Amino acid sequence: MALEAIRGEKTVAQIAAHHEVHATQVTAWKTELLENAAGIFGGDVLAADGKERIRELQAKIGQLTMENDFLEGALGKFPGPSGKR
């Protein structure tokens, strides 16, 4: 039921009526699943992959920042409307 609620294909009220439980209970289960999903579905593996992905993205941000700074400086050396003023 919590997965149904997360998918969002039906409203919480529809899910609760279908399974004959109170809507508050479905909401509680949905909230609990969202808060604990990483631990339930192998959070250690996901956390390690996520940390590696964050490192990769931070490296890419650094690279793009350096390239942007270089190109910004080079653009300022050209006269005309495309150069910096």
PDB file of N, CA and C in Angstrom:
ATOM      1  N   MET A   1       0.823  -1.189   0.000  1.00  0.00           N
ATOM      2  CA  MET A   1       0.000   0.000   0.000  1.00  0.00           C
ATOM      3  C   MET A   1       0.866   1.251   0.000  1.00  0.00           C
ATOM      4  N   ALA A   2       1.976   1.202   0.749  1.00  0.00           N
ATOM      5  CA  ALA A   2       2.860   2.364   0.792  1.00  0.00           C
ATOM      6  C   ALA A   2       3.450   2.631  -0.588  1.00  0.00           C
ATOM      7  N   LEU A   3       3.817   1.567  -1.306  1.00  0.00           N
ATOM      8  CA  LEU A   3       4.359   1.742  -2.653  1.00  0.00           C
ATOM      9  C   LEU A   3       3.305   2.314  -3.597  1.00  0.00           C
ATOM     10  N   GLU A   4       2.073   1.864  -3.451  1.00  0.00           N
ATOM     11  CA  GLU A   4       0.982   2.425  -4.250  1.00  0.00           C
ATOM     12  C   GLU A   4       0.850   3.919  -3.998  1.00  0.00           C
ATOM     13  N   ALA A   5       0.927   4.311  -2.746  1.00  0.00           N
ATOM     14  CA  ALA A   5       0.798   5.723  -2.393  1.00  0.00           C
ATOM     15  C   ALA A   5       1.956   6.541  -2.954  1.00  0.00           C
ATOM     16  N   ILE A   6       3.155   5.961  -2.938  1.00  0.00           N
ATOM     17  CA  ILE A   6       4.328   6.673  -3.465  1.00  0.00           C
ATOM     18  C   ILE A   6       4.222   6.831  -4.977  1.00  0.00           C
ATOM     19  N   ARG A   7       3.742   5.788  -5.643  1.00  0.00           N
ATOM     20  CA  ARG A   7       3.604   5.860  -7.107  1.00  0.00           C
ATOM     21  C   ARG A   7       2.678   6.991  -7.529  1.00  0.00           C
ATOM     22  N   GLY A   8       1.651   7.256  -6.727  1.00  0.00           N
ATOM     23  CA  GLY A   8       0.752   8.357  -7.014  1.00  0.00           C
ATOM     24  C   GLY A   8      -0.278   8.073  -8.085  1.00  0.00           C
ATOM     25  N   GLU A   9      -0.451   6.809  -8.458  1.00  0.00           N
ATOM     26  CA  GLU A   9      -1.448   6.477  -9.472  1.00  0.00           C
ATOM     27  C   GLU A   9      -2.871   6.631  -8.928  1.00  0.00           C
ATOM     28  N   LYS A  10      -3.033   6.418  -7.626  1.00  0.00           N
ATOM     29  CA  LYS A  10      -4.318   6.597  -6.948  1.00  0.00           C
ATOM     30  C   LYS A  10      -4.105   7.527  -5.764  1.00  0.00           C
ATOM     31  N   THR A  11      -5.174   8.130  -5.307  1.00  0.00           N
ATOM     32  CA  THR A  11      -5.071   8.968  -4.120  1.00  0.00           C
ATOM     33  C   THR A  11      -4.974   8.078  -2.886  1.00  0.00           C
ATOM     34  N   VAL A  12      -4.523   8.650  -1.798  1.00  0.00           N
ATOM     35  CA  VAL A  12      -4.431   7.913  -0.540  1.00  0.00           C
ATOM     36  C   VAL A  12      -5.821   7.426  -0.134  1.00  0.00           C
ATOM     37  N   ALA A  13      -6.833   8.239  -0.341  1.00  0.00           N
ATOM     38  CA  ALA A  13      -8.203   7.851   0.005  1.00  0.00           C
ATOM     39  C   ALA A  13      -8.660   6.648  -0.821  1.00  0.00           C
ATOM     40  N   GLN A  14      -8.322   6.625  -2.104  1.00  0.00           N
ATOM     41  CA  GLN A  14      -8.701   5.500  -2.954  1.00  0.00           C
ATOM     42  C   GLN A  14      -8.003   4.219  -2.507  1.00  0.00           C
ATOM     43  N   ILE A  15      -6.718   4.325  -2.196  1.00  0.00           N
ATOM     44  CA  ILE A  15      -5.952   3.162  -1.735  1.00  0.00           C
ATOM     45  C   ILE A  15      -6.528   2.642  -0.425  1.00  0.00           C
ATOM     46  N   ALA A  16      -6.812   3.554   0.489  1.00  0.00           N
ATOM     47  CA  ALA A  16      -7.366   3.167   1.786  1.00  0.00           C
ATOM     48  C   ALA A  16      -8.715   2.484   1.624  1.00  0.00           C
ATOM     49  N   ALA A  17      -9.569   3.007   0.778  1.00  0.00           N
ATOM     50  CA  ALA A  17     -10.888   2.410   0.564  1.00  0.00           C
ATOM     51  C   ALA A  17     -10.765   1.027  -0.066  1.00  0.00           C
ATOM     52  N   HIS A  18      -9.853   0.889  -1.017  1.00  0.00           N
ATOM     53  CA  HIS A  18      -9.663  -0.392  -1.699  1.00  0.00           C
ATOM     54  C   HIS A  18      -9.197  -1.481  -0.729  1.00  0.00           C
ATOM     55  N   HIS A  19      -8.302  -1.131   0.177  1.00  0.00           N
ATOM     56  CA  HIS A  19      -7.735  -2.103   1.118  1.00  0.00           C
ATOM     57  C   HIS A  19      -8.447  -2.105   2.476  1.00  0.00           C
ATOM     58  N   GLU A  20      -9.479  -1.273   2.591  1.00  0.00           N
ATOM     59  CA  GLU A  20     -10.293  -1.194   3.798  1.00  0.00           C
ATOM     60  C   GLU A  20      -9.475  -0.859   5.055  1.00  0.00           C
ATOM     61  N   VAL A  21      -8.634   0.159   4.923  1.00  0.00           N
ATOM     62  CA  VAL A  21      -7.893   0.704   6.064  1.00  0.00           C
ATOM     63  C   VAL A  21      -8.129   2.208   6.089  1.00  0.00           C
ATOM     64  N   HIS A  22      -7.739   2.838   7.173  1.00  0.00           N
ATOM     65  CA  HIS A  22      -7.927   4.280   7.300  1.00  0.00           C
ATOM     66  C   HIS A  22      -6.844   5.002   6.491  1.00  0.00           C
ATOM     67  N   ALA A  23      -7.213   6.116   5.894  1.00  0.00           N
ATOM     68  CA  ALA A  23      -6.283   6.895   5.070  1.00  0.00           C
ATOM     69  C   ALA A  23      -5.076   7.363   5.875  1.00  0.00           C
ATOM     70  N   THR A  24      -5.271   7.646   7.161  1.00  0.00           N
ATOM     71  CA  THR A  24      -4.156   8.078   8.005  1.00  0.00           C
ATOM     72  C   THR A  24      -3.106   6.980   8.112  1.00  0.00           C
ATOM     73  N   GLN A  25      -3.552   5.735   8.154  1.00  0.00           N
ATOM     74  CA  GLN A  25      -2.611   4.615   8.248  1.00  0.00           C
ATOM     75  C   GLN A  25      -1.799   4.493   6.964  1.00  0.00           C
ATOM     76  N   VAL A  26      -2.434   4.655   5.821  1.00  0.00           N
ATOM     77  CA  VAL A  26      -1.721   4.599   4.544  1.00  0.00           C
ATOM     78  C   VAL A  26      -0.680   5.717   4.476  1.00  0.00           C
ATOM     79  N   THR A  27      -1.073   6.905   4.920  1.00  0.00           N
ATOM     80  CA  THR A  27      -0.140   8.035   4.940  1.00  0.00           C
ATOM     81  C   THR A  27       1.037   7.752   5.872  1.00  0.00           C
ATOM     82  N   ALA A  28       0.776   7.163   7.019  1.00  0.00           N
ATOM     83  CA  ALA A  28       1.846   6.834   7.970  1.00  0.00           C
ATOM     84  C   ALA A  28       2.804   5.824   7.361  1.00  0.00           C
ATOM     85  N   TRP A  29       2.254   4.789   6.703  1.00  0.00           N
ATOM     86  CA  TRP A  29       3.112   3.781   6.068  1.00  0.00           C
ATOM     87  C   TRP A  29       3.937   4.395   4.930  1.00  0.00           C
ATOM     88  N   LYS A  30       3.322   5.283   4.172  1.00  0.00           N
ATOM     89  CA  LYS A  30       4.032   5.949   3.076  1.00  0.00           C
ATOM     90  C   LYS A  30       5.194   6.776   3.625  1.00  0.00           C
ATOM     91  N   THR A  31       4.925   7.551   4.676  1.00  0.00           N
ATOM     92  CA  THR A  31       5.958   8.382   5.295  1.00  0.00           C
ATOM     93  C   THR A  31       7.089   7.525   5.846  1.00  0.00           C
ATOM     94  N   GLU A  32       6.733   6.438   6.508  1.00  0.00           N
ATOM     95  CA  GLU A  32       7.744   5.552   7.078  1.00  0.00           C
ATOM     96  C   GLU A  32       8.600   4.922   5.991  1.00  0.00           C
ATOM     97  N   LEU A  33       7.986   4.513   4.894  1.00  0.00           N
ATOM     98  CA  LEU A  33       8.748   3.926   3.794  1.00  0.00           C
ATOM     99  C   LEU A  33       9.698   4.949   3.188  1.00  0.00           C
ATOM    100  N   LEU A  34       9.217   6.171   2.972  1.00  0.00           N
ATOM    101  CA  LEU A  34      10.083   7.202   2.395  1.00  0.00           C
ATOM    102  C   LEU A  34      11.272   7.520   3.298  1.00  0.00           C
ATOM    103  N   GLU A  35      11.048   7.531   4.609  1.00  0.00           N
ATOM    104  CA  GLU A  35      12.122   7.846   5.543  1.00  0.00           C
ATOM    105  C   GLU A  35      13.131   6.712   5.667  1.00  0.00           C
ATOM    106  N   ASN A  36      12.685   5.457   5.491  1.00  0.00           N
ATOM    107  CA  ASN A  36      13.556   4.312   5.739  1.00  0.00           C
ATOM    108  C   ASN A  36      13.878   3.500   4.498  1.00  0.00           C
ATOM    109  N   ALA A  37      13.562   3.992   3.331  1.00  0.00           N
ATOM    110  CA  ALA A  37      13.734   3.226   2.102  1.00  0.00           C
ATOM    111  C   ALA A  37      15.197   2.836   1.864  1.00  0.00           C
ATOM    112  N   ALA A  38      16.123   3.723   2.143  1.00  0.00           N
ATOM    113  CA  ALA A  38      17.532   3.418   1.903  1.00  0.00           C
ATOM    114  C   ALA A  38      17.990   2.223   2.740  1.00  0.00           C
ATOM    115  N   GLY A  39      17.592   2.169   3.987  1.00  0.00           N
ATOM    116  CA  GLY A  39      17.964   1.053   4.845  1.00  0.00           C
ATOM    117  C   GLY A  39      17.276  -0.238   4.452  1.00  0.00           C
ATOM    118  N   ILE A  40      16.040  -0.137   4.006  1.00  0.00           N
ATOM    119  CA  ILE A  40      15.276  -1.324   3.619  1.00  0.00           C
ATOM    120  C   ILE A  40      15.831  -1.932   2.334  1.00  0.00           C
ATOM    121  N   PHE A  41      16.175  -1.105   1.386  1.00  0.00           N
ATOM    122  CA  PHE A  41      16.602  -1.585   0.078  1.00  0.00           C
ATOM    123  C   PHE A  41      18.113  -1.506  -0.106  1.00  0.00           C
ATOM    124  N   GLY A  42      18.895  -1.715   0.945  1.00  0.00           N
ATOM    125  CA  GLY A  42      20.350  -1.745   0.822  1.00  0.00           C
ATOM    126  C   GLY A  42      20.963  -0.373   0.820  1.00  0.00           C
ATOM    127  N   GLY A  43      20.748   0.365   1.866  1.00  0.00           N
ATOM    128  CA  GLY A  43      21.237   1.734   1.960  1.00  0.00           C
ATOM    129  C   GLY A  43      22.740   1.866   1.888  1.00  0.00           C
ATOM    130  N   ASP A  44      23.483   0.872   2.386  1.00  0.00           N
ATOM    131  CA  ASP A  44      24.939   0.974   2.347  1.00  0.00           C
ATOM    132  C   ASP A  44      25.455   0.998   0.919  1.00  0.00           C
ATOM    133  N   VAL A  45      24.882   0.163   0.073  1.00  0.00           N
ATOM    134  CA  VAL A  45      25.298   0.130  -1.331  1.00  0.00           C
ATOM    135  C   VAL A  45      24.909   1.427  -2.009  1.00  0.00           C
ATOM    136  N   LEU A  46      23.680   1.875  -1.761  1.00  0.00           N
ATOM    137  CA  LEU A  46      23.230   3.122  -2.360  1.00  0.00           C
ATOM    138  C   LEU A  46      24.045   4.305  -1.867  1.00  0.00           C
ATOM    139  N   ALA A  47      24.380   4.306  -0.587  1.00  0.00           N
ATOM    140  CA  ALA A  47      25.152   5.415  -0.025  1.00  0.00           C
ATOM    141  C   ALA A  47      26.541   5.477  -0.646  1.00  0.00           C
ATOM    142  N   ALA A  48      27.183   4.318  -0.828  1.00  0.00           N
ATOM    143  CA  ALA A  48      28.516   4.298  -1.421  1.00  0.00           C
ATOM    144  C   ALA A  48      28.459   4.773  -2.872  1.00  0.00           C
ATOM    145  N   ASP A  49      27.472   4.300  -3.633  1.00  0.00           N
ATOM    146  CA  ASP A  49      27.323   4.734  -5.020  1.00  0.00           C
ATOM    147  C   ASP A  49      27.014   6.223  -5.086  1.00  0.00           C
ATOM    148  N   GLY A  50      26.190   6.688  -4.165  1.00  0.00           N
ATOM    149  CA  GLY A  50      25.833   8.102  -4.138  1.00  0.00           C
ATOM    150  C   GLY A  50      27.028   8.981  -3.824  1.00  0.00           C
ATOM    151  N   LYS A  51      27.864   8.546  -2.883  1.00  0.00           N
ATOM    152  CA  LYS A  51      29.055   9.327  -2.537  1.00  0.00           C
ATOM    153  C   LYS A  51      30.019   9.396  -3.716  1.00  0.00           C
ATOM    154  N   GLU A  52      30.180   8.284  -4.430  1.00  0.00           N
ATOM    155  CA  GLU A  52      31.062   8.277  -5.600  1.00  0.00           C
ATOM    156  C   GLU A  52      30.505   9.203  -6.681  1.00  0.00           C
ATOM    157  N   ARG A  53      29.213   9.176  -6.881  1.00  0.00           N
ATOM    158  CA  ARG A  53      28.578  10.036  -7.879  1.00  0.00           C
ATOM    159  C   ARG A  53      28.740  11.506  -7.495  1.00  0.00           C
ATOM    160  N   ILE A  54      28.622  11.808  -6.209  1.00  0.00           N
ATOM    161  CA  ILE A  54      28.815  13.182  -5.741  1.00  0.00           C
ATOM    162  C   ILE A  54      30.238  13.632  -6.009  1.00  0.00           C
ATOM    163  N   ARG A  55      31.218  12.751  -5.742  1.00  0.00           N
ATOM    164  CA  ARG A  55      32.627  13.099  -6.030  1.00  0.00           C
ATOM    165  C   ARG A  55      32.823  13.377  -7.516  1.00  0.00           C
ATOM    166  N   GLU A  56      32.235  12.532  -8.373  1.00  0.00           N
ATOM    167  CA  GLU A  56      32.359  12.727  -9.823  1.00  0.00           C
ATOM    168  C   GLU A  56      31.755  14.065 -10.246  1.00  0.00           C
ATOM    169  N   LEU A  57      30.587  14.369  -9.710  1.00  0.00           N
ATOM    170  CA  LEU A  57      29.921  15.621 -10.078  1.00  0.00           C
ATOM    171  C   LEU A  57      30.671  16.842  -9.565  1.00  0.00           C
ATOM    172  N   GLN A  58      31.250  16.748  -8.366  1.00  0.00           N
ATOM    173  CA  GLN A  58      32.043  17.858  -7.845  1.00  0.00           C
ATOM    174  C   GLN A  58      33.290  18.074  -8.696  1.00  0.00           C
ATOM    175  N   ALA A  59      33.905  17.001  -9.162  1.00  0.00           N
ATOM    176  CA  ALA A  59      35.066  17.131 -10.041  1.00  0.00           C
ATOM    177  C   ALA A  59      34.665  17.790 -11.354  1.00  0.00           C
ATOM    178  N   LYS A  60      33.515  17.395 -11.886  1.00  0.00           N
ATOM    179  CA  LYS A  60      33.037  17.985 -13.139  1.00  0.00           C
ATOM    180  C   LYS A  60      32.724  19.467 -12.953  1.00  0.00           C
ATOM    181  N   ILE A  61      32.132  19.827 -11.831  1.00  0.00           N
ATOM    182  CA  ILE A  61      31.849  21.234 -11.535  1.00  0.00           C
ATOM    183  C   ILE A  61      33.146  22.029 -11.488  1.00  0.00           C
ATOM    184  N   GLY A  62      34.159  21.480 -10.840  1.00  0.00           N
ATOM    185  CA  GLY A  62      35.457  22.149 -10.775  1.00  0.00           C
ATOM    186  C   GLY A  62      36.057  22.349 -12.155  1.00  0.00           C
ATOM    187  N   GLN A  63      35.986  21.299 -12.982  1.00  0.00           N
ATOM    188  CA  GLN A  63      36.520  21.388 -14.341  1.00  0.00           C
ATOM    189  C   GLN A  63      35.781  22.455 -15.144  1.00  0.00           C
ATOM    190  N   LEU A  64      34.468  22.449 -15.088  1.00  0.00           N
ATOM    191  CA  LEU A  64      33.683  23.419 -15.843  1.00  0.00           C
ATOM    192  C   LEU A  64      33.893  24.843 -15.338  1.00  0.00           C
ATOM    193  N   THR A  65      34.099  25.001 -14.042  1.00  0.00           N
ATOM    194  CA  THR A  65      34.380  26.322 -13.482  1.00  0.00           C
ATOM    195  C   THR A  65      35.707  26.852 -14.018  1.00  0.00           C
ATOM    196  N   MET A  66      36.716  25.988 -14.048  1.00  0.00           N
ATOM    197  CA  MET A  66      38.027  26.402 -14.579  1.00  0.00           C
ATOM    198  C   MET A  66      37.920  26.773 -16.057  1.00  0.00           C
ATOM    199  N   GLU A  67      37.214  25.953 -16.831  1.00  0.00           N
ATOM    200  CA  GLU A  67      37.050  26.245 -18.255  1.00  0.00           C
ATOM    201  C   GLU A  67      36.298  27.562 -18.461  1.00  0.00           C
ATOM    202  N   ASN A  68      35.273  27.786 -17.682  1.00  0.00           N
ATOM    203  CA  ASN A  68      34.495  29.016 -17.782  1.00  0.00           C
ATOM    204  C   ASN A  68      35.358  30.234 -17.453  1.00  0.00           C
ATOM    205  N   ASP A  69      36.145  30.137 -16.390  1.00  0.00           N
ATOM    206  CA  ASP A  69      37.034  31.245 -16.013  1.00  0.00           C
ATOM    207  C   ASP A  69      38.054  31.526 -17.108  1.00  0.00           C
ATOM    208  N   PHE A  70      38.614  30.462 -17.689  1.00  0.00           N
ATOM    209  CA  PHE A  70      39.594  30.626 -18.761  1.00  0.00           C
ATOM    210  C   PHE A  70      38.961  31.313 -19.969  1.00  0.00           C
ATOM    211  N   LEU A  71      37.806  30.815 -20.380  1.00  0.00           N
ATOM    212  CA  LEU A  71      37.149  31.382 -21.555  1.00  0.00           C
ATOM    213  C   LEU A  71      36.678  32.814 -21.305  1.00  0.00           C
ATOM    214  N   GLU A  72      36.266  33.097 -20.083  1.00  0.00           N
ATOM    215  CA  GLU A  72      35.855  34.455 -19.737  1.00  0.00           C
ATOM    216  C   GLU A  72      37.040  35.410 -19.864  1.00  0.00           C
ATOM    217  N   GLY A  73      38.218  34.967 -19.418  1.00  0.00           N
ATOM    218  CA  GLY A  73      39.414  35.798 -19.533  1.00  0.00           C
ATOM    219  C   GLY A  73      39.847  35.961 -20.975  1.00  0.00           C
ATOM    220  N   ALA A  74      39.760  34.886 -21.759  1.00  0.00           N
ATOM    221  CA  ALA A  74      40.152  34.948 -23.161  1.00  0.00           C
ATOM    222  C   ALA A  74      39.201  35.831 -23.957  1.00  0.00           C
ATOM    223  N   LEU A  75      37.937  35.807 -23.647  1.00  0.00           N
ATOM    224  CA  LEU A  75      36.954  36.616 -24.353  1.00  0.00           C
ATOM    225  C   LEU A  75      37.220  38.106 -24.136  1.00  0.00           C
ATOM    226  N   GLY A  76      37.726  38.448 -22.970  1.00  0.00           N
ATOM    227  CA  GLY A  76      38.016  39.847 -22.673  1.00  0.00           C
ATOM    228  C   GLY A  76      39.160  40.417 -23.484  1.00  0.00           C
ATOM    229  N   LYS A  77      39.961  39.566 -24.108  1.00  0.00           N
ATOM    230  CA  LYS A  77      41.113  40.027 -24.893  1.00  0.00           C
ATOM    231  C   LYS A  77      40.727  40.405 -26.317  1.00  0.00           C
ATOM    232  N   PHE A  78      39.513  40.035 -26.746  1.00  0.00           N
ATOM    233  CA  PHE A  78      39.082  40.326 -28.104  1.00  0.00           C
ATOM    234  C   PHE A  78      38.306  41.644 -28.135  1.00  0.00           C
ATOM    235  N   PRO A  79      38.648  42.505 -29.094  1.00  0.00           N
ATOM    236  CA  PRO A  79      37.893  43.756 -29.224  1.00  0.00           C
ATOM    237  C   PRO A  79      36.557  43.486 -29.911  1.00  0.00           C
ATOM    238  N   GLY A  80      35.673  44.423 -29.776  1.00  0.00           N
ATOM    239  CA  GLY A  80      34.397  44.318 -30.478  1.00  0.00           C
ATOM    240  C   GLY A  80      33.245  43.967 -29.544  1.00  0.00           C
ATOM    241  N   PRO A  81      32.079  43.772 -30.141  1.00  0.00           N
ATOM    242  CA  PRO A  81      30.882  43.542 -29.321  1.00  0.00           C
ATOM    243  C   PRO A  81      30.900  42.220 -28.548  1.00  0.00           C
ATOM    244  N   SER A  82      31.656  41.235 -29.023  1.00  0.00           N
ATOM    245  CA  SER A  82      31.655  39.962 -28.314  1.00  0.00           C
ATOM    246  C   SER A  82      32.634  39.976 -27.132  1.00  0.00           C
ATOM    247  N   GLY A  83      33.553  40.923 -27.108  1.00  0.00           N
ATOM    248  CA  GLY A  83      34.505  41.019 -26.007  1.00  0.00           C
ATOM    249  C   GLY A  83      33.894  41.699 -24.803  1.00  0.00           C
ATOM    250  N   LYS A  84      34.540  41.526 -23.637  1.00  0.00           N
ATOM    251  CA  LYS A  84      34.055  42.185 -22.430  1.00  0.00           C
ATOM    252  C   LYS A  84      34.387  43.667 -22.477  1.00  0.00           C
ATOM    253  N   ARG A  85      33.603  44.460 -21.840  1.00  0.00           N
ATOM    254  CA  ARG A  85      33.860  45.901 -21.811  1.00  0.00           C
ATOM    255  C   ARG A  85      34.255  46.335 -20.458  1.00  0.00           C
TER     256      ARG A  85
END
